[in-house]
Amino acid sequence: MNQEYLQDQEKSKTEIKKEMLEITKLGQRLVDLNSTTLDKVPLSEVAYKAIIEGQKIKHHTGLKRHLKYVGKILRDENVEAIKQFLNTYDQRHLAQVKELHLAEQWRERLLAQGDSAIFELLQISPTLDRQKLRQLVRSAQKEMSLQNPAKYQRELYRYIKENVDFTEL
């Protein structure tokens, strides 16, 4: 306990303020999370309730004041575990977004290049149904030429997203 006291004494006022600001920003990130993700964060009941309250506050000044309260509560929490959870969550989220973008790029490529792009995609993912893929591409191309709503383009995107494993690419 004496060592902790000495370490706190060695910190300057500026360092302490920076730490408090960092914890308050962490509280803001937690308030911004949806409830499903927030349930998975390692928090005490008091901190969880304070964050849920913060999600309900719409007025800027009230939210700012409440975030300081959340920061005060988070000082007693395991901040490193919370940061680690958020980093893992961010990495997973970025990977999902990357997969969605790749599926979108493949759809655009299939619509622009036709059979050559189909052949390349089948080389990458041989489990795809060639006939269904060609049918979806042709229907989407026809749809584009007639300027109809993008029903088959969405179906093609969904088929690519669900059946191609982008983690191997």
C-alpha atoms as a PDB file:
ATOM      1  CA  MET A   1       0.000   0.000   0.000  1.00  0.00           C
ATOM      2  CA  ASN A   2       2.855   2.387   0.733  1.00  0.00           C
ATOM      3  CA  GLN A   3       4.281   1.749  -2.738  1.00  0.00           C
ATOM      4  CA  GLU A   4       0.946   2.636  -4.368  1.00  0.00           C
ATOM      5  CA  TYR A   5       0.801   5.798  -2.299  1.00  0.00           C
ATOM      6  CA  LEU A   6       4.337   6.738  -3.323  1.00  0.00           C
ATOM      7  CA  GLN A   7       3.580   6.057  -6.987  1.00  0.00           C
ATOM      8  CA  ASP A   8       0.503   8.293  -6.811  1.00  0.00           C
ATOM      9  CA  GLN A   9       2.594  11.000  -5.161  1.00  0.00           C
ATOM     10  CA  GLU A  10       5.151  10.815  -7.977  1.00  0.00           C
ATOM     11  CA  LYS A  11       2.540  11.471 -10.663  1.00  0.00           C
ATOM     12  CA  SER A  12       2.122  15.053 -11.651  1.00  0.00           C
ATOM     13  CA  LYS A  13      -1.235  16.743 -11.687  1.00  0.00           C
ATOM     14  CA  THR A  14      -1.146  16.776 -15.490  1.00  0.00           C
ATOM     15  CA  GLU A  15      -0.578  13.019 -15.676  1.00  0.00           C
ATOM     16  CA  ILE A  16      -3.494  12.388 -13.348  1.00  0.00           C
ATOM     17  CA  LYS A  17      -5.737  14.645 -15.451  1.00  0.00           C
ATOM     18  CA  LYS A  18      -4.687  12.820 -18.630  1.00  0.00           C
ATOM     19  CA  GLU A  19      -5.540   9.471 -17.036  1.00  0.00           C
ATOM     20  CA  MET A  20      -8.950  10.776 -15.947  1.00  0.00           C
ATOM     21  CA  LEU A  21      -9.606  12.150 -19.442  1.00  0.00           C
ATOM     22  CA  GLU A  22      -8.650   8.790 -20.945  1.00  0.00           C
ATOM     23  CA  ILE A  23     -11.030   6.967 -18.607  1.00  0.00           C
ATOM     24  CA  THR A  24     -13.793   9.455 -19.470  1.00  0.00           C
ATOM     25  CA  LYS A  25     -13.205   8.789 -23.189  1.00  0.00           C
ATOM     26  CA  LEU A  26     -13.412   5.078 -22.442  1.00  0.00           C
ATOM     27  CA  GLY A  27     -16.756   5.782 -20.764  1.00  0.00           C
ATOM     28  CA  GLN A  28     -17.906   7.613 -23.904  1.00  0.00           C
ATOM     29  CA  ARG A  29     -16.990   4.587 -26.032  1.00  0.00           C
ATOM     30  CA  LEU A  30     -18.952   2.341 -23.690  1.00  0.00           C
ATOM     31  CA  VAL A  31     -21.985   4.647 -23.816  1.00  0.00           C
ATOM     32  CA  ASP A  32     -21.811   4.539 -27.628  1.00  0.00           C
ATOM     33  CA  LEU A  33     -21.943   0.715 -27.723  1.00  0.00           C
ATOM     34  CA  ASN A  34     -25.204  -1.082 -28.417  1.00  0.00           C
ATOM     35  CA  SER A  35     -26.771  -3.059 -25.579  1.00  0.00           C
ATOM     36  CA  THR A  36     -25.865  -6.472 -27.034  1.00  0.00           C
ATOM     37  CA  THR A  37     -22.169  -5.624 -27.108  1.00  0.00           C
ATOM     38  CA  LEU A  38     -22.310  -3.810 -23.771  1.00  0.00           C
ATOM     39  CA  ASP A  39     -23.611  -6.995 -22.106  1.00  0.00           C
ATOM     40  CA  LYS A  40     -20.335  -8.716 -23.025  1.00  0.00           C
ATOM     41  CA  VAL A  41     -18.067  -6.045 -21.495  1.00  0.00           C
ATOM     42  CA  PRO A  42     -16.592  -7.015 -18.098  1.00  0.00           C
ATOM     43  CA  LEU A  43     -18.305  -4.400 -15.910  1.00  0.00           C
ATOM     44  CA  SER A  44     -19.746  -4.238 -12.419  1.00  0.00           C
ATOM     45  CA  GLU A  45     -23.488  -3.766 -11.983  1.00  0.00           C
ATOM     46  CA  VAL A  46     -23.035  -0.123 -10.912  1.00  0.00           C
ATOM     47  CA  ALA A  47     -20.936   0.751 -13.971  1.00  0.00           C
ATOM     48  CA  TYR A  48     -23.334  -1.094 -16.294  1.00  0.00           C
ATOM     49  CA  LYS A  49     -26.341   0.821 -14.936  1.00  0.00           C
ATOM     50  CA  ALA A  50     -24.502   4.151 -15.195  1.00  0.00           C
ATOM     51  CA  ILE A  51     -23.625   3.447 -18.834  1.00  0.00           C
ATOM     52  CA  ILE A  52     -27.222   2.447 -19.643  1.00  0.00           C
ATOM     53  CA  GLU A  53     -28.376   5.717 -18.025  1.00  0.00           C
ATOM     54  CA  GLY A  54     -25.864   7.597 -20.159  1.00  0.00           C
ATOM     55  CA  GLN A  55     -27.318   6.045 -23.303  1.00  0.00           C
ATOM     56  CA  LYS A  56     -30.705   7.529 -22.425  1.00  0.00           C
ATOM     57  CA  ILE A  57     -29.432  11.098 -21.942  1.00  0.00           C
ATOM     58  CA  LYS A  58     -29.876  13.230 -25.057  1.00  0.00           C
ATOM     59  CA  HIS A  59     -28.962  16.708 -23.838  1.00  0.00           C
ATOM     60  CA  HIS A  60     -25.282  17.484 -24.461  1.00  0.00           C
ATOM     61  CA  THR A  61     -24.571  19.211 -21.150  1.00  0.00           C
ATOM     62  CA  GLY A  62     -26.262  16.479 -19.136  1.00  0.00           C
ATOM     63  CA  LEU A  63     -24.421  13.785 -21.055  1.00  0.00           C
ATOM     64  CA  LYS A  64     -21.092  15.528 -20.508  1.00  0.00           C
ATOM     65  CA  ARG A  65     -21.738  15.676 -16.760  1.00  0.00           C
ATOM     66  CA  HIS A  66     -22.886  12.042 -16.720  1.00  0.00           C
ATOM     67  CA  LEU A  67     -19.759  10.915 -18.602  1.00  0.00           C
ATOM     68  CA  LYS A  68     -17.658  12.400 -15.814  1.00  0.00           C
ATOM     69  CA  TYR A  69     -19.704  10.324 -13.377  1.00  0.00           C
ATOM     70  CA  VAL A  70     -19.170   7.206 -15.528  1.00  0.00           C
ATOM     71  CA  GLY A  71     -15.438   7.987 -15.557  1.00  0.00           C
ATOM     72  CA  LYS A  72     -15.446   8.213 -11.766  1.00  0.00           C
ATOM     73  CA  ILE A  73     -17.097   4.789 -11.540  1.00  0.00           C
ATOM     74  CA  LEU A  74     -14.741   3.285 -14.134  1.00  0.00           C
ATOM     75  CA  ARG A  75     -11.727   4.209 -11.999  1.00  0.00           C
ATOM     76  CA  ASP A  76     -12.704   1.331  -9.704  1.00  0.00           C
ATOM     77  CA  GLU A  77     -13.138  -1.093 -12.635  1.00  0.00           C
ATOM     78  CA  ASN A  78     -10.533  -3.223 -14.384  1.00  0.00           C
ATOM     79  CA  VAL A  79      -9.807  -0.666 -17.123  1.00  0.00           C
ATOM     80  CA  GLU A  80      -7.258  -2.889 -18.876  1.00  0.00           C
ATOM     81  CA  ALA A  81      -9.800  -5.701 -19.300  1.00  0.00           C
ATOM     82  CA  ILE A  82     -12.316  -3.225 -20.735  1.00  0.00           C
ATOM     83  CA  LYS A  83      -9.718  -1.803 -23.151  1.00  0.00           C
ATOM     84  CA  GLN A  84      -8.718  -5.303 -24.218  1.00  0.00           C
ATOM     85  CA  PHE A  85     -12.365  -6.186 -24.889  1.00  0.00           C
ATOM     86  CA  LEU A  86     -12.870  -3.016 -26.948  1.00  0.00           C
ATOM     87  CA  ASN A  87      -9.695  -3.666 -28.984  1.00  0.00           C
ATOM     88  CA  THR A  88     -10.847  -7.215 -29.749  1.00  0.00           C
ATOM     89  CA  TYR A  89     -14.302  -5.898 -30.639  1.00  0.00           C
ATOM     90  CA  ASP A  90     -12.809  -3.257 -32.954  1.00  0.00           C
ATOM     91  CA  GLN A  91     -10.612  -5.816 -34.730  1.00  0.00           C
ATOM     92  CA  ARG A  92     -13.558  -8.164 -35.255  1.00  0.00           C
ATOM     93  CA  HIS A  93     -15.698  -5.293 -36.500  1.00  0.00           C
ATOM     94  CA  LEU A  94     -13.012  -4.157 -38.960  1.00  0.00           C
ATOM     95  CA  ALA A  95     -12.654  -7.720 -40.265  1.00  0.00           C
ATOM     96  CA  GLN A  96     -16.417  -7.915 -40.852  1.00  0.00           C
ATOM     97  CA  VAL A  97     -16.437  -4.583 -42.666  1.00  0.00           C
ATOM     98  CA  LYS A  98     -13.507  -5.728 -44.811  1.00  0.00           C
ATOM     99  CA  GLU A  99     -15.394  -8.901 -45.760  1.00  0.00           C
ATOM    100  CA  LEU A 100     -18.465  -6.872 -46.725  1.00  0.00           C
ATOM    101  CA  HIS A 101     -16.346  -4.591 -48.907  1.00  0.00           C
ATOM    102  CA  LEU A 102     -14.686  -7.576 -50.586  1.00  0.00           C
ATOM    103  CA  ALA A 103     -18.085  -9.123 -51.329  1.00  0.00           C
ATOM    104  CA  GLU A 104     -19.221  -5.811 -52.793  1.00  0.00           C
ATOM    105  CA  GLN A 105     -16.068  -5.532 -54.928  1.00  0.00           C
ATOM    106  CA  TRP A 106     -16.544  -9.070 -56.235  1.00  0.00           C
ATOM    107  CA  ARG A 107     -20.164  -8.309 -57.126  1.00  0.00           C
ATOM    108  CA  GLU A 108     -19.116  -5.225 -59.086  1.00  0.00           C
ATOM    109  CA  ARG A 109     -16.337  -7.162 -60.776  1.00  0.00           C
ATOM    110  CA  LEU A 110     -18.685 -10.011 -61.724  1.00  0.00           C
ATOM    111  CA  LEU A 111     -21.166  -7.558 -63.212  1.00  0.00           C
ATOM    112  CA  ALA A 112     -18.463  -5.733 -65.182  1.00  0.00           C
ATOM    113  CA  GLN A 113     -16.349  -8.679 -66.408  1.00  0.00           C
ATOM    114  CA  GLY A 114     -18.853 -11.537 -66.581  1.00  0.00           C
ATOM    115  CA  ASP A 115     -17.511 -15.048 -67.291  1.00  0.00           C
ATOM    116  CA  SER A 116     -13.825 -14.248 -66.720  1.00  0.00           C
ATOM    117  CA  ALA A 117     -14.570 -12.957 -63.210  1.00  0.00           C
ATOM    118  CA  ILE A 118     -16.829 -15.965 -62.558  1.00  0.00           C
ATOM    119  CA  PHE A 119     -13.949 -18.263 -63.504  1.00  0.00           C
ATOM    120  CA  GLU A 120     -11.574 -16.401 -61.141  1.00  0.00           C
ATOM    121  CA  LEU A 121     -14.058 -16.507 -58.267  1.00  0.00           C
ATOM    122  CA  LEU A 122     -14.600 -20.236 -58.811  1.00  0.00           C
ATOM    123  CA  GLN A 123     -10.829 -20.733 -58.645  1.00  0.00           C
ATOM    124  CA  ILE A 124     -10.752 -18.979 -55.287  1.00  0.00           C
ATOM    125  CA  SER A 125     -13.889 -20.646 -53.922  1.00  0.00           C
ATOM    126  CA  PRO A 126     -14.585 -23.935 -55.764  1.00  0.00           C
ATOM    127  CA  THR A 127     -17.577 -24.778 -53.560  1.00  0.00           C
ATOM    128  CA  LEU A 128     -19.733 -22.171 -55.301  1.00  0.00           C
ATOM    129  CA  ASP A 129     -22.511 -23.368 -57.584  1.00  0.00           C
ATOM    130  CA  ARG A 130     -21.345 -22.274 -61.049  1.00  0.00           C
ATOM    131  CA  GLN A 131     -24.809 -22.427 -62.568  1.00  0.00           C
ATOM    132  CA  LYS A 132     -26.442 -20.367 -59.830  1.00  0.00           C
ATOM    133  CA  LEU A 133     -23.608 -17.825 -59.906  1.00  0.00           C
ATOM    134  CA  ARG A 134     -23.880 -17.380 -63.687  1.00  0.00           C
ATOM    135  CA  GLN A 135     -27.655 -17.109 -63.466  1.00  0.00           C
ATOM    136  CA  LEU A 136     -27.426 -14.417 -60.785  1.00  0.00           C
ATOM    137  CA  VAL A 137     -24.797 -12.487 -62.753  1.00  0.00           C
ATOM    138  CA  ARG A 138     -26.859 -12.602 -65.964  1.00  0.00           C
ATOM    139  CA  SER A 139     -30.046 -11.570 -64.161  1.00  0.00           C
ATOM    140  CA  ALA A 140     -28.261  -8.691 -62.422  1.00  0.00           C
ATOM    141  CA  GLN A 141     -26.677  -7.524 -65.708  1.00  0.00           C
ATOM    142  CA  LYS A 142     -30.065  -7.639 -67.436  1.00  0.00           C
ATOM    143  CA  GLU A 143     -31.572  -5.777 -64.517  1.00  0.00           C
ATOM    144  CA  MET A 144     -28.905  -3.067 -64.839  1.00  0.00           C
ATOM    145  CA  SER A 145     -29.461  -2.668 -68.577  1.00  0.00           C
ATOM    146  CA  LEU A 146     -33.223  -2.274 -68.056  1.00  0.00           C
ATOM    147  CA  GLN A 147     -32.586   0.029 -65.083  1.00  0.00           C
ATOM    148  CA  ASN A 148     -34.880  -2.016 -62.856  1.00  0.00           C
ATOM    149  CA  PRO A 149     -34.611  -2.082 -59.064  1.00  0.00           C
ATOM    150  CA  ALA A 150     -31.515  -3.930 -57.890  1.00  0.00           C
ATOM    151  CA  LYS A 151     -33.162  -7.180 -56.720  1.00  0.00           C
ATOM    152  CA  TYR A 152     -30.733  -9.577 -58.424  1.00  0.00           C
ATOM    153  CA  GLN A 153     -27.730  -7.413 -57.581  1.00  0.00           C
ATOM    154  CA  ARG A 154     -28.665  -7.769 -53.914  1.00  0.00           C
ATOM    155  CA  GLU A 155     -29.167 -11.521 -54.345  1.00  0.00           C
ATOM    156  CA  LEU A 156     -25.747 -11.824 -56.007  1.00  0.00           C
ATOM    157  CA  TYR A 157     -24.140  -9.837 -53.189  1.00  0.00           C
ATOM    158  CA  ARG A 158     -25.873 -11.978 -50.559  1.00  0.00           C
ATOM    159  CA  TYR A 159     -24.811 -15.200 -52.328  1.00  0.00           C
ATOM    160  CA  ILE A 160     -21.170 -14.069 -52.492  1.00  0.00           C
ATOM    161  CA  LYS A 161     -21.167 -12.846 -48.881  1.00  0.00           C
ATOM    162  CA  GLU A 162     -22.654 -16.079 -47.525  1.00  0.00           C
ATOM    163  CA  ASN A 163     -20.699 -18.591 -49.625  1.00  0.00           C
ATOM    164  CA  VAL A 164     -17.202 -17.189 -50.113  1.00  0.00           C
ATOM    165  CA  ASP A 165     -14.760 -17.439 -47.208  1.00  0.00           C
ATOM    166  CA  PHE A 166     -12.842 -14.158 -47.382  1.00  0.00           C
ATOM    167  CA  THR A 167     -10.568 -15.063 -44.483  1.00  0.00           C
ATOM    168  CA  GLU A 168      -8.592 -17.287 -46.877  1.00  0.00           C
ATOM    169  CA  LEU A 169      -7.988 -14.450 -49.340  1.00  0.00           C
END
